């Protein structure tokens, strides 16, 4: 599923946004 670190960063940011909200 995770191939590039960029994807991991995007997912991390997404989870962060959900947690903040």
N, C-alpha and C. Protein backbone atom coordinates (compact mmCIF):
# COMPACT_ATOMS: atom_id res chain seq x y z
N UNK A 1 0.85 -1.20 0.00
CA UNK A 1 0.00 0.00 0.00
C UNK A 1 0.89 1.26 0.00
N UNK A 2 1.81 1.32 0.95
CA UNK A 2 2.67 2.51 1.02
C UNK A 2 3.93 2.27 0.21
N UNK A 3 4.11 3.04 -0.84
CA UNK A 3 5.28 2.86 -1.69
C UNK A 3 6.26 4.02 -1.51
N UNK A 4 5.76 5.24 -1.53
CA UNK A 4 6.65 6.40 -1.40
C UNK A 4 6.45 7.07 -0.04
N UNK A 5 7.50 7.65 0.47
CA UNK A 5 7.39 8.35 1.75
C UNK A 5 6.42 9.52 1.62
N UNK A 6 6.28 10.05 0.41
CA UNK A 6 5.34 11.16 0.21
C UNK A 6 3.94 10.71 0.58
N UNK A 7 3.58 9.48 0.19
CA UNK A 7 2.24 8.98 0.52
C UNK A 7 2.09 8.89 2.04
N UNK A 8 3.13 8.39 2.69
CA UNK A 8 3.08 8.26 4.15
C UNK A 8 2.87 9.64 4.78
N UNK A 9 3.59 10.64 4.26
CA UNK A 9 3.46 12.00 4.80
C UNK A 9 2.04 12.50 4.60
N UNK A 10 1.48 12.26 3.42
CA UNK A 10 0.11 12.73 3.14
C UNK A 10 -0.86 12.04 4.08
N UNK A 11 -0.68 10.74 4.30
CA UNK A 11 -1.59 10.00 5.20
C UNK A 11 -1.44 10.55 6.62
N UNK A 12 -0.19 10.78 7.04
CA UNK A 12 0.03 11.31 8.39
C UNK A 12 -0.69 12.64 8.55
N UNK A 13 -0.57 13.51 7.56
CA UNK A 13 -1.23 14.82 7.63
C UNK A 13 -2.74 14.63 7.69
N UNK A 14 -3.25 13.68 6.90
CA UNK A 14 -4.70 13.43 6.90
C UNK A 14 -5.15 13.01 8.29
N UNK A 15 -4.43 12.05 8.88
CA UNK A 15 -4.80 11.58 10.21
C UNK A 15 -4.70 12.73 11.22
N UNK A 16 -3.66 13.54 11.08
CA UNK A 16 -3.49 14.68 11.98
C UNK A 16 -4.71 15.59 11.87
N UNK A 17 -5.15 15.89 10.66
CA UNK A 17 -6.31 16.77 10.48
C UNK A 17 -7.53 16.17 11.16
N UNK A 18 -7.72 14.86 10.98
CA UNK A 18 -8.89 14.22 11.58
C UNK A 18 -8.80 14.32 13.10
N UNK A 19 -7.60 14.09 13.64
CA UNK A 19 -7.44 14.15 15.10
C UNK A 19 -7.71 15.57 15.59
N UNK A 20 -7.19 16.56 14.87
CA UNK A 20 -7.39 17.95 15.28
C UNK A 20 -8.89 18.26 15.28
N UNK A 21 -9.59 17.78 14.25
CA UNK A 21 -11.03 18.04 14.17
C UNK A 21 -11.74 17.11 15.13
